[in-house]
């Protein structure tokens, strides 16, 4: 059963279904849908015809709108601005014990934010953390560094598509 907690608001023709949670001071409106086991928390806002589903988490002061779909194991937070599905990317699971999914999204303050488990920061900070944490695990280190390269390529190509109006 869906849960609306604290001072969270769901209004207009928005719907929260499944075992989804909307909490804290989050807002869901427009014709947005939050379902499955997704969480929208903090002061996050989900509106327009956006969808948040599966086990995705949207928090902090993130804004998800337009026709964006945030799904899977995505972790979208900070001051993210997601207006199209290509404004974020999730890769994983990673090699190793954690089998972590890693999310990268556009953010006003940082440009691109990487979220992986308890890590949240810029791509350069992610690379530095990977080099330190996984110095003795060359396979996992190589995979995480390849993720960072792919994140940069993804957003470069997305920017080119946006410039062409595609």
N, C-alpha and C. Protein backbone atom coordinates (compact mmCIF):
# COMPACT_ATOMS: atom_id res chain seq x y z
N UNK A 1 0.83 -1.18 0.00
CA UNK A 1 0.00 0.00 0.00
C UNK A 1 0.88 1.25 0.00
N UNK A 2 0.59 2.19 -0.85
CA UNK A 2 1.35 3.43 -0.95
C UNK A 2 1.24 4.22 0.35
N UNK A 3 2.31 5.00 0.65
CA UNK A 3 2.37 5.76 1.89
C UNK A 3 2.70 7.21 1.59
N UNK A 4 1.94 8.11 2.20
CA UNK A 4 2.22 9.55 2.15
C UNK A 4 2.47 9.95 3.60
N UNK A 5 3.69 10.47 3.88
CA UNK A 5 4.08 10.76 5.26
C UNK A 5 4.44 12.22 5.46
N UNK A 6 4.43 12.59 6.74
CA UNK A 6 4.86 13.90 7.22
C UNK A 6 4.09 14.99 6.50
N UNK A 7 4.77 15.96 5.89
CA UNK A 7 4.06 17.06 5.23
C UNK A 7 4.08 16.91 3.71
N UNK A 8 4.31 15.71 3.23
CA UNK A 8 4.32 15.46 1.79
C UNK A 8 2.94 15.75 1.20
N UNK A 9 2.96 16.16 -0.08
CA UNK A 9 1.71 16.52 -0.75
C UNK A 9 1.61 15.79 -2.08
N UNK A 10 0.44 15.25 -2.34
CA UNK A 10 0.11 14.67 -3.64
C UNK A 10 -1.16 15.37 -4.08
N UNK A 11 -1.10 16.03 -5.24
CA UNK A 11 -2.26 16.81 -5.66
C UNK A 11 -2.44 16.77 -7.17
N UNK A 12 -3.45 17.49 -7.62
CA UNK A 12 -3.86 17.51 -9.01
C UNK A 12 -4.25 16.09 -9.42
N UNK A 13 -3.82 15.60 -10.55
CA UNK A 13 -4.20 14.23 -10.94
C UNK A 13 -3.05 13.25 -10.74
N UNK A 14 -2.09 13.61 -9.90
CA UNK A 14 -0.95 12.72 -9.60
C UNK A 14 -1.44 11.49 -8.84
N UNK A 15 -0.67 10.39 -9.00
CA UNK A 15 -1.01 9.16 -8.31
C UNK A 15 0.23 8.52 -7.69
N UNK A 16 0.03 7.94 -6.50
CA UNK A 16 1.06 7.17 -5.83
C UNK A 16 0.47 5.78 -5.61
N UNK A 17 1.15 4.75 -6.14
CA UNK A 17 0.59 3.40 -6.12
C UNK A 17 1.62 2.38 -5.64
N UNK A 18 1.19 1.14 -5.55
CA UNK A 18 2.09 0.06 -5.13
C UNK A 18 2.52 0.27 -3.70
N UNK A 19 3.78 0.01 -3.42
CA UNK A 19 4.31 0.24 -2.06
C UNK A 19 5.20 1.48 -2.04
N UNK A 20 4.94 2.40 -2.95
CA UNK A 20 5.72 3.64 -3.05
C UNK A 20 5.53 4.48 -1.79
N UNK A 21 6.54 5.33 -1.52
CA UNK A 21 6.49 6.23 -0.38
C UNK A 21 6.79 7.65 -0.85
N UNK A 22 5.97 8.58 -0.43
CA UNK A 22 6.24 10.01 -0.62
C UNK A 22 6.28 10.59 0.78
N UNK A 23 7.45 11.12 1.18
CA UNK A 23 7.60 11.56 2.56
C UNK A 23 8.30 12.88 2.70
N UNK A 24 8.53 13.24 3.95
CA UNK A 24 9.14 14.51 4.32
C UNK A 24 8.28 15.63 3.77
N UNK A 25 8.88 16.58 3.04
CA UNK A 25 8.08 17.68 2.47
C UNK A 25 8.03 17.56 0.95
N UNK A 26 8.16 16.35 0.44
CA UNK A 26 8.13 16.12 -1.02
C UNK A 26 6.76 16.47 -1.59
N UNK A 27 6.75 16.76 -2.88
CA UNK A 27 5.53 17.12 -3.59
C UNK A 27 5.44 16.30 -4.87
N UNK A 28 4.27 15.75 -5.15
CA UNK A 28 3.99 15.06 -6.40
C UNK A 28 2.72 15.68 -6.96
N UNK A 29 2.79 16.18 -8.20
CA UNK A 29 1.63 16.85 -8.76
C UNK A 29 1.56 16.69 -10.27
N UNK A 30 0.69 17.49 -10.87
CA UNK A 30 0.46 17.36 -12.30
C UNK A 30 -0.18 16.01 -12.58
N UNK A 31 0.28 15.34 -13.60
CA UNK A 31 -0.21 13.98 -13.88
C UNK A 31 0.90 12.96 -13.61
N UNK A 32 1.81 13.31 -12.70
CA UNK A 32 2.94 12.44 -12.36
C UNK A 32 2.46 11.16 -11.70
N UNK A 33 3.30 10.12 -11.82
CA UNK A 33 3.02 8.83 -11.19
C UNK A 33 4.25 8.37 -10.42
N UNK A 34 4.04 7.93 -9.20
CA UNK A 34 5.09 7.32 -8.38
C UNK A 34 4.54 5.95 -7.99
N UNK A 35 5.28 4.89 -8.34
CA UNK A 35 4.74 3.56 -8.09
C UNK A 35 5.80 2.54 -7.73
N UNK A 36 5.36 1.31 -7.70
CA UNK A 36 6.19 0.17 -7.34
C UNK A 36 6.73 0.39 -5.93
N UNK A 37 8.06 0.31 -5.75
CA UNK A 37 8.68 0.51 -4.44
C UNK A 37 9.49 1.80 -4.41
N UNK A 38 9.17 2.75 -5.27
CA UNK A 38 9.93 4.00 -5.37
C UNK A 38 9.69 4.87 -4.13
N UNK A 39 10.69 5.72 -3.86
CA UNK A 39 10.61 6.69 -2.77
C UNK A 39 10.85 8.08 -3.32
N UNK A 40 10.05 9.04 -2.88
CA UNK A 40 10.27 10.46 -3.15
C UNK A 40 10.29 11.12 -1.78
N UNK A 41 11.45 11.70 -1.40
CA UNK A 41 11.60 12.21 -0.05
C UNK A 41 12.29 13.58 -0.06
N UNK A 42 12.60 14.08 1.11
CA UNK A 42 13.23 15.39 1.22
C UNK A 42 12.27 16.46 0.75
N UNK A 43 12.79 17.42 0.01
CA UNK A 43 11.93 18.45 -0.57
C UNK A 43 11.83 18.25 -2.08
N UNK A 44 12.00 17.01 -2.53
CA UNK A 44 11.94 16.69 -3.96
C UNK A 44 10.55 16.98 -4.52
N UNK A 45 10.54 17.26 -5.82
CA UNK A 45 9.28 17.53 -6.53
C UNK A 45 9.23 16.68 -7.79
N UNK A 46 8.11 16.02 -8.00
CA UNK A 46 7.87 15.23 -9.20
C UNK A 46 6.58 15.75 -9.80
N UNK A 47 6.66 16.24 -11.04
CA UNK A 47 5.47 16.83 -11.65
C UNK A 47 5.38 16.57 -13.13
N UNK A 48 4.53 17.34 -13.78
CA UNK A 48 4.23 17.19 -15.20
C UNK A 48 3.74 15.76 -15.43
N UNK A 49 4.27 15.07 -16.43
CA UNK A 49 3.87 13.68 -16.69
C UNK A 49 5.00 12.72 -16.34
N UNK A 50 5.88 13.11 -15.43
CA UNK A 50 7.03 12.29 -15.04
C UNK A 50 6.56 11.03 -14.33
N UNK A 51 7.41 10.01 -14.39
CA UNK A 51 7.15 8.74 -13.72
C UNK A 51 8.37 8.35 -12.89
N UNK A 52 8.14 7.91 -11.66
CA UNK A 52 9.19 7.37 -10.80
C UNK A 52 8.71 5.99 -10.38
N UNK A 53 9.51 4.97 -10.68
CA UNK A 53 9.05 3.62 -10.39
C UNK A 53 10.16 2.66 -10.06
N UNK A 54 9.81 1.39 -10.04
CA UNK A 54 10.70 0.31 -9.63
C UNK A 54 11.19 0.61 -8.22
N UNK A 55 12.49 0.56 -7.97
CA UNK A 55 13.02 0.86 -6.64
C UNK A 55 13.80 2.17 -6.65
N UNK A 56 13.47 3.08 -7.57
CA UNK A 56 14.17 4.36 -7.68
C UNK A 56 13.91 5.22 -6.44
N UNK A 57 14.89 6.09 -6.15
CA UNK A 57 14.79 7.04 -5.05
C UNK A 57 15.05 8.43 -5.62
N UNK A 58 14.17 9.37 -5.31
CA UNK A 58 14.34 10.78 -5.67
C UNK A 58 14.27 11.55 -4.35
N UNK A 59 15.32 12.31 -4.04
CA UNK A 59 15.35 13.00 -2.76
C UNK A 59 16.09 14.31 -2.83
N UNK A 60 16.44 14.82 -1.67
CA UNK A 60 17.09 16.12 -1.61
C UNK A 60 16.15 17.18 -2.13
N UNK A 61 16.68 18.08 -2.95
CA UNK A 61 15.83 19.10 -3.57
C UNK A 61 15.70 18.83 -5.07
N UNK A 62 15.78 17.56 -5.44
CA UNK A 62 15.69 17.16 -6.85
C UNK A 62 14.34 17.54 -7.44
N UNK A 63 14.36 17.81 -8.75
CA UNK A 63 13.16 18.11 -9.51
C UNK A 63 13.10 17.16 -10.69
N UNK A 64 12.00 16.40 -10.79
CA UNK A 64 11.79 15.50 -11.91
C UNK A 64 10.49 15.94 -12.57
N UNK A 65 10.57 16.24 -13.86
CA UNK A 65 9.38 16.72 -14.55
C UNK A 65 9.41 16.36 -16.01
N UNK A 66 8.63 17.11 -16.78
CA UNK A 66 8.54 16.81 -18.20
C UNK A 66 8.01 15.40 -18.39
N UNK A 67 8.60 14.68 -19.32
CA UNK A 67 8.19 13.30 -19.58
C UNK A 67 9.23 12.32 -19.07
N UNK A 68 10.06 12.73 -18.12
CA UNK A 68 11.15 11.89 -17.61
C UNK A 68 10.62 10.64 -16.93
N UNK A 69 11.38 9.58 -17.06
CA UNK A 69 11.11 8.31 -16.38
C UNK A 69 12.34 7.99 -15.53
N UNK A 70 12.17 7.94 -14.22
CA UNK A 70 13.26 7.58 -13.30
C UNK A 70 12.87 6.22 -12.73
N UNK A 71 13.62 5.19 -13.13
CA UNK A 71 13.23 3.83 -12.79
C UNK A 71 14.44 3.00 -12.39
N UNK A 72 14.22 1.72 -12.24
CA UNK A 72 15.30 0.80 -11.89
C UNK A 72 15.80 1.10 -10.50
N UNK A 73 17.10 1.09 -10.34
CA UNK A 73 17.75 1.35 -9.05
C UNK A 73 18.34 2.76 -9.01
N UNK A 74 17.76 3.70 -9.75
CA UNK A 74 18.28 5.06 -9.82
C UNK A 74 18.25 5.74 -8.46
N UNK A 75 19.31 6.51 -8.17
CA UNK A 75 19.40 7.35 -6.98
C UNK A 75 19.58 8.78 -7.46
N UNK A 76 18.53 9.57 -7.42
CA UNK A 76 18.56 10.94 -7.92
C UNK A 76 18.35 11.88 -6.74
N UNK A 77 19.36 12.70 -6.45
CA UNK A 77 19.26 13.57 -5.29
C UNK A 77 19.95 14.89 -5.51
N UNK A 78 20.36 15.51 -4.41
CA UNK A 78 20.99 16.83 -4.50
C UNK A 78 20.03 17.81 -5.13
N UNK A 79 20.53 18.64 -6.01
CA UNK A 79 19.67 19.61 -6.70
C UNK A 79 19.49 19.18 -8.16
N UNK A 80 19.27 17.88 -8.36
CA UNK A 80 19.09 17.33 -9.71
C UNK A 80 17.94 18.02 -10.43
N UNK A 81 18.10 18.14 -11.73
CA UNK A 81 17.05 18.66 -12.60
C UNK A 81 16.87 17.67 -13.74
N UNK A 82 15.84 16.83 -13.64
CA UNK A 82 15.59 15.78 -14.62
C UNK A 82 14.31 16.16 -15.37
N UNK A 83 14.47 16.53 -16.63
CA UNK A 83 13.31 16.87 -17.46
C UNK A 83 13.07 15.86 -18.56
N UNK A 84 14.11 15.08 -18.85
CA UNK A 84 14.04 14.03 -19.87
C UNK A 84 14.72 12.81 -19.28
N UNK A 85 14.33 11.66 -19.75
CA UNK A 85 14.92 10.43 -19.23
C UNK A 85 16.43 10.41 -19.43
N UNK A 86 16.94 11.01 -20.48
CA UNK A 86 18.39 10.98 -20.71
C UNK A 86 19.18 11.94 -19.81
N UNK A 87 18.49 12.63 -18.89
CA UNK A 87 19.17 13.50 -17.93
C UNK A 87 19.80 12.72 -16.79
N UNK A 88 19.66 11.39 -16.82
CA UNK A 88 20.34 10.55 -15.83
C UNK A 88 20.69 9.22 -16.49
N UNK A 89 21.61 8.48 -15.86
CA UNK A 89 21.98 7.16 -16.34
C UNK A 89 22.35 6.31 -15.13
N UNK A 90 21.96 5.03 -15.18
CA UNK A 90 22.27 4.07 -14.12
C UNK A 90 23.06 2.92 -14.75
N UNK A 91 24.16 2.55 -14.12
CA UNK A 91 24.96 1.41 -14.57
C UNK A 91 25.13 0.44 -13.42
N UNK A 92 25.21 -0.83 -13.74
CA UNK A 92 25.44 -1.83 -12.72
C UNK A 92 24.67 -3.09 -13.02
N UNK A 93 24.77 -4.05 -12.15
CA UNK A 93 25.48 -4.01 -10.89
C UNK A 93 26.99 -4.08 -11.10
N UNK A 94 27.72 -3.55 -10.13
CA UNK A 94 29.17 -3.55 -10.21
C UNK A 94 29.71 -4.94 -9.89
N UNK A 95 30.94 -5.13 -10.29
CA UNK A 95 31.65 -6.37 -9.97
C UNK A 95 32.03 -6.31 -8.49
N UNK A 96 32.04 -7.43 -7.81
CA UNK A 96 32.46 -7.45 -6.42
C UNK A 96 31.30 -7.70 -5.49
N UNK A 97 31.59 -7.65 -4.21
CA UNK A 97 30.60 -8.00 -3.21
C UNK A 97 29.41 -7.05 -3.18
N UNK A 98 29.63 -5.76 -3.37
CA UNK A 98 28.54 -4.80 -3.22
C UNK A 98 27.50 -4.91 -4.32
N UNK A 99 27.92 -5.30 -5.52
CA UNK A 99 27.02 -5.37 -6.68
C UNK A 99 26.14 -4.12 -6.75
N UNK A 100 26.80 -2.99 -6.61
CA UNK A 100 26.15 -1.70 -6.52
C UNK A 100 25.72 -1.17 -7.89
N UNK A 101 24.61 -0.47 -7.92
CA UNK A 101 24.21 0.30 -9.09
C UNK A 101 24.71 1.72 -8.88
N UNK A 102 25.19 2.35 -9.93
CA UNK A 102 25.76 3.69 -9.84
C UNK A 102 24.94 4.60 -10.75
N UNK A 103 24.49 5.72 -10.20
CA UNK A 103 23.67 6.68 -10.93
C UNK A 103 24.46 7.96 -11.16
N UNK A 104 24.30 8.55 -12.33
CA UNK A 104 24.86 9.88 -12.60
C UNK A 104 23.74 10.73 -13.18
N UNK A 105 23.60 11.95 -12.70
CA UNK A 105 22.55 12.84 -13.20
C UNK A 105 23.04 14.27 -13.25
N UNK A 106 22.31 15.05 -14.00
CA UNK A 106 22.59 16.49 -14.09
C UNK A 106 22.18 17.15 -12.77
N UNK A 107 22.98 18.13 -12.38
CA UNK A 107 22.66 18.88 -11.18
C UNK A 107 23.11 20.32 -11.35
N UNK A 108 22.31 21.23 -10.83
CA UNK A 108 22.63 22.65 -10.94
C UNK A 108 23.99 22.99 -10.35
N UNK A 109 24.25 22.55 -9.13
CA UNK A 109 25.44 22.97 -8.41
C UNK A 109 26.72 22.28 -8.88
N UNK A 110 26.65 20.98 -9.16
CA UNK A 110 27.86 20.22 -9.48
C UNK A 110 28.06 19.98 -10.96
N UNK A 111 27.06 20.22 -11.77
CA UNK A 111 27.12 19.83 -13.18
C UNK A 111 26.62 18.42 -13.32
N UNK A 112 27.47 17.44 -12.98
CA UNK A 112 27.05 16.03 -12.95
C UNK A 112 27.34 15.48 -11.56
N UNK A 113 26.37 14.78 -11.00
CA UNK A 113 26.54 14.16 -9.68
C UNK A 113 26.51 12.65 -9.85
N UNK A 114 27.44 11.96 -9.18
CA UNK A 114 27.49 10.51 -9.15
C UNK A 114 27.04 10.05 -7.77
N UNK A 115 26.12 9.07 -7.73
CA UNK A 115 25.65 8.47 -6.49
C UNK A 115 25.93 6.98 -6.56
N UNK A 116 26.68 6.47 -5.58
CA UNK A 116 27.01 5.04 -5.51
C UNK A 116 27.08 4.66 -4.04
N UNK A 117 26.09 3.96 -3.55
CA UNK A 117 26.09 3.59 -2.14
C UNK A 117 26.14 4.84 -1.28
N UNK A 118 27.13 4.94 -0.40
CA UNK A 118 27.23 6.12 0.48
C UNK A 118 28.01 7.26 -0.18
N UNK A 119 28.50 7.07 -1.41
CA UNK A 119 29.23 8.13 -2.09
C UNK A 119 28.26 9.01 -2.88
N UNK A 120 28.48 10.32 -2.84
CA UNK A 120 27.74 11.27 -3.66
C UNK A 120 28.66 12.45 -3.92
N UNK A 121 28.96 12.73 -5.20
CA UNK A 121 29.84 13.84 -5.53
C UNK A 121 30.05 13.95 -7.02
N UNK A 122 31.01 14.76 -7.42
CA UNK A 122 31.32 14.99 -8.83
C UNK A 122 32.00 13.76 -9.43
N UNK A 123 32.11 13.75 -10.74
CA UNK A 123 32.81 12.65 -11.41
C UNK A 123 34.28 12.62 -10.99
N UNK A 124 34.92 13.78 -10.87
CA UNK A 124 36.32 13.80 -10.42
C UNK A 124 36.46 13.26 -9.00
N UNK A 125 35.52 13.61 -8.11
CA UNK A 125 35.54 13.09 -6.75
C UNK A 125 35.29 11.58 -6.75
N UNK A 126 34.40 11.12 -7.65
CA UNK A 126 34.13 9.69 -7.78
C UNK A 126 35.39 8.94 -8.19
N UNK A 127 36.08 9.47 -9.22
CA UNK A 127 37.32 8.82 -9.66
C UNK A 127 38.35 8.75 -8.52
N UNK A 128 38.49 9.85 -7.78
CA UNK A 128 39.45 9.86 -6.67
C UNK A 128 39.06 8.85 -5.60
N UNK A 129 37.77 8.77 -5.29
CA UNK A 129 37.30 7.81 -4.28
C UNK A 129 37.53 6.38 -4.75
N UNK A 130 37.26 6.12 -6.02
CA UNK A 130 37.48 4.78 -6.59
C UNK A 130 38.96 4.42 -6.52
N UNK A 131 39.82 5.34 -6.92
CA UNK A 131 41.27 5.06 -6.89
C UNK A 131 41.76 4.79 -5.48
N UNK A 132 41.18 5.44 -4.48
CA UNK A 132 41.58 5.20 -3.11
C UNK A 132 40.97 3.93 -2.53
N UNK A 133 39.67 3.78 -2.68
CA UNK A 133 38.95 2.66 -2.08
C UNK A 133 39.29 1.32 -2.74
N UNK A 134 39.47 1.34 -4.05
CA UNK A 134 39.66 0.09 -4.80
C UNK A 134 41.08 -0.08 -5.34
N UNK A 135 42.04 0.53 -4.67
CA UNK A 135 43.44 0.43 -5.11
C UNK A 135 43.92 -1.02 -5.16
N UNK A 136 43.41 -1.85 -4.28
CA UNK A 136 43.83 -3.26 -4.23
C UNK A 136 42.86 -4.19 -4.95
N UNK A 137 41.89 -3.64 -5.68
CA UNK A 137 40.92 -4.44 -6.42
C UNK A 137 40.88 -3.92 -7.86
N UNK A 138 41.84 -4.34 -8.69
CA UNK A 138 41.96 -3.75 -10.03
C UNK A 138 40.73 -3.96 -10.92
N UNK A 139 40.03 -5.07 -10.76
CA UNK A 139 38.85 -5.31 -11.60
C UNK A 139 37.74 -4.32 -11.28
N UNK A 140 37.42 -4.17 -9.99
CA UNK A 140 36.36 -3.25 -9.59
C UNK A 140 36.78 -1.80 -9.88
N UNK A 141 38.02 -1.49 -9.63
CA UNK A 141 38.53 -0.14 -9.92
C UNK A 141 38.36 0.17 -11.40
N UNK A 142 38.75 -0.76 -12.27
CA UNK A 142 38.64 -0.55 -13.72
C UNK A 142 37.18 -0.37 -14.14
N UNK A 143 36.28 -1.16 -13.56
CA UNK A 143 34.87 -1.03 -13.93
C UNK A 143 34.31 0.32 -13.51
N UNK A 144 34.57 0.75 -12.28
CA UNK A 144 34.06 2.04 -11.82
C UNK A 144 34.64 3.20 -12.65
N UNK A 145 35.92 3.12 -13.01
CA UNK A 145 36.51 4.18 -13.82
C UNK A 145 35.90 4.18 -15.23
N UNK A 146 35.58 3.00 -15.75
CA UNK A 146 34.90 2.92 -17.05
C UNK A 146 33.49 3.51 -16.94
N UNK A 147 32.81 3.29 -15.80
CA UNK A 147 31.51 3.90 -15.58
C UNK A 147 31.63 5.43 -15.69
N UNK A 148 32.65 6.00 -15.05
CA UNK A 148 32.83 7.46 -15.08
C UNK A 148 33.03 7.94 -16.52
N UNK A 149 33.83 7.21 -17.30
CA UNK A 149 34.04 7.58 -18.71
C UNK A 149 32.73 7.51 -19.48
N UNK A 150 31.94 6.46 -19.24
CA UNK A 150 30.67 6.31 -19.94
C UNK A 150 29.68 7.41 -19.53
N UNK A 151 29.69 7.79 -18.25
CA UNK A 151 28.82 8.89 -17.81
C UNK A 151 29.12 10.16 -18.61
N UNK A 152 30.41 10.49 -18.71
CA UNK A 152 30.78 11.70 -19.46
C UNK A 152 30.37 11.60 -20.92
N UNK A 153 30.57 10.46 -21.54
CA UNK A 153 30.16 10.27 -22.94
C UNK A 153 28.65 10.38 -23.08
N UNK A 154 27.91 9.76 -22.18
CA UNK A 154 26.44 9.81 -22.24
C UNK A 154 25.95 11.26 -22.27
N UNK A 155 26.45 12.10 -21.35
CA UNK A 155 25.96 13.47 -21.27
C UNK A 155 26.48 14.33 -22.42
N UNK A 156 27.65 14.03 -22.93
CA UNK A 156 28.15 14.73 -24.12
C UNK A 156 27.22 14.45 -25.30
N UNK A 157 26.86 13.19 -25.49
CA UNK A 157 25.95 12.84 -26.59
C UNK A 157 24.55 13.40 -26.36
N UNK A 158 24.07 13.38 -25.11
CA UNK A 158 22.76 13.95 -24.80
C UNK A 158 22.74 15.45 -25.11
N UNK A 159 23.83 16.15 -24.78
CA UNK A 159 23.91 17.58 -25.10
C UNK A 159 23.88 17.82 -26.60
N UNK A 160 24.57 16.97 -27.35
CA UNK A 160 24.54 17.09 -28.82
C UNK A 160 23.14 16.86 -29.36
N UNK A 161 22.42 15.87 -28.81
CA UNK A 161 21.04 15.61 -29.24
C UNK A 161 20.14 16.81 -28.90
N UNK A 162 20.33 17.36 -27.71
CA UNK A 162 19.53 18.53 -27.31
C UNK A 162 19.79 19.70 -28.24
N UNK A 163 21.05 19.90 -28.63
CA UNK A 163 21.41 21.01 -29.52
C UNK A 163 20.75 20.84 -30.89
N UNK A 164 20.57 19.60 -31.31
CA UNK A 164 19.91 19.32 -32.61
C UNK A 164 18.40 19.29 -32.48
N UNK A 165 17.89 19.36 -31.24
CA UNK A 165 16.45 19.31 -31.03
C UNK A 165 15.89 17.91 -31.14
N UNK A 166 16.74 16.91 -30.97
CA UNK A 166 16.29 15.51 -31.10
C UNK A 166 15.75 14.97 -29.80
